[in-house]
């Protein structure tokens, strides 16, 4: 079961990119006791997203697009966010 922050991340990305594939992986447990682990259980995530919106877009710009779609979540509400963004067929 995903927590409320993971669900919010999922909803924002679905609204922004209409992805063909989306996985929100909570990596927080593997960072227990490390910097940024706040005890909430939702401090570190990996986002794997596939969307036609990323076709012809550089890897860096894809990450920027995802970060913009998530607003204040990266860096403020989540300590670490790994982004794996690709276009269909990649």
Protein backbone atom coordinates (compact mmCIF):
# COMPACT_ATOMS: atom_id res chain seq x y z
CA UNK A 1 0.00 0.00 0.00
CA UNK A 2 1.37 3.37 -0.99
CA UNK A 3 1.27 6.20 1.50
CA UNK A 4 -0.41 9.56 0.88
CA UNK A 5 2.68 11.19 -0.61
CA UNK A 6 3.23 8.35 -3.07
CA UNK A 7 -0.43 8.61 -4.09
CA UNK A 8 -0.07 12.38 -4.58
CA UNK A 9 3.04 11.88 -6.73
CA UNK A 10 1.15 9.32 -8.84
CA UNK A 11 -1.88 11.60 -9.31
CA UNK A 12 0.26 14.59 -10.32
CA UNK A 13 2.25 12.58 -12.86
CA UNK A 14 -0.87 10.98 -14.36
CA UNK A 15 -2.45 14.41 -14.75
CA UNK A 16 0.68 15.94 -16.30
CA UNK A 17 1.86 13.16 -18.61
CA UNK A 18 -0.91 10.56 -19.17
CA UNK A 19 1.79 7.89 -18.84
CA UNK A 20 1.65 4.51 -20.56
CA UNK A 21 3.56 3.12 -17.58
CA UNK A 22 4.13 4.52 -14.08
CA UNK A 23 5.79 3.00 -11.02
CA UNK A 24 6.31 4.91 -7.79
CA UNK A 25 8.81 2.97 -5.68
CA UNK A 26 9.21 3.91 -2.04
CA UNK A 27 12.92 3.51 -1.23
CA UNK A 28 12.64 5.05 2.25
CA UNK A 29 13.18 1.83 4.23
CA UNK A 30 16.59 1.31 2.65
CA UNK A 31 17.64 4.78 3.87
CA UNK A 32 16.61 4.35 7.50
CA UNK A 33 19.10 6.19 9.70
CA UNK A 34 20.63 8.11 6.79
CA UNK A 35 20.48 11.85 6.20
CA UNK A 36 17.06 12.98 5.07
CA UNK A 37 15.19 10.02 6.52
CA UNK A 38 12.50 11.78 8.52
CA UNK A 39 10.69 8.80 10.01
CA UNK A 40 7.58 9.38 7.88
CA UNK A 41 8.32 6.36 5.71
CA UNK A 42 8.04 8.60 2.64
CA UNK A 43 11.39 10.37 2.27
CA UNK A 44 13.04 8.59 -0.70
CA UNK A 45 11.35 7.57 -3.96
CA UNK A 46 12.16 6.28 -7.42
CA UNK A 47 9.76 7.25 -10.21
CA UNK A 48 9.79 5.12 -13.37
CA UNK A 49 7.56 6.76 -15.97
CA UNK A 50 6.94 6.19 -19.67
CA UNK A 51 5.07 8.83 -21.63
CA UNK A 52 4.81 10.11 -25.19
CA UNK A 53 5.48 13.56 -23.67
CA UNK A 54 9.16 12.55 -23.38
CA UNK A 55 9.64 11.73 -27.08
CA UNK A 56 12.52 13.75 -28.52
CA UNK A 57 13.32 15.30 -25.12
CA UNK A 58 16.75 15.06 -23.47
CA UNK A 59 17.23 13.08 -20.26
CA UNK A 60 17.90 16.29 -18.30
CA UNK A 61 14.79 18.03 -19.64
CA UNK A 62 12.68 14.95 -18.83
CA UNK A 63 13.84 15.18 -15.22
CA UNK A 64 13.05 18.89 -15.17
CA UNK A 65 9.57 18.19 -16.56
CA UNK A 66 8.86 15.63 -13.84
CA UNK A 67 10.20 17.93 -11.11
CA UNK A 68 8.04 20.82 -12.38
CA UNK A 69 4.95 18.58 -12.41
CA UNK A 70 5.62 17.61 -8.77
CA UNK A 71 5.84 21.20 -7.53
CA UNK A 72 7.18 21.45 -3.97
CA UNK A 73 7.53 17.69 -3.45
CA UNK A 74 11.14 17.19 -4.67
CA UNK A 75 13.65 18.65 -2.26
CA UNK A 76 11.08 19.99 0.18
CA UNK A 77 8.61 17.24 1.03
CA UNK A 78 10.79 14.37 -0.26
CA UNK A 79 14.51 14.17 0.50
CA UNK A 80 15.50 12.16 -2.58
CA UNK A 81 13.76 11.46 -5.86
CA UNK A 82 15.30 9.28 -8.57
CA UNK A 83 13.64 9.75 -11.96
CA UNK A 84 13.67 7.20 -14.80
CA UNK A 85 11.69 8.84 -17.60
CA UNK A 86 11.41 7.38 -21.09
CA UNK A 87 9.28 7.60 -24.19
CA UNK A 88 7.37 4.56 -25.50
CA UNK A 89 9.64 2.24 -27.45
CA UNK A 90 12.84 3.28 -25.70
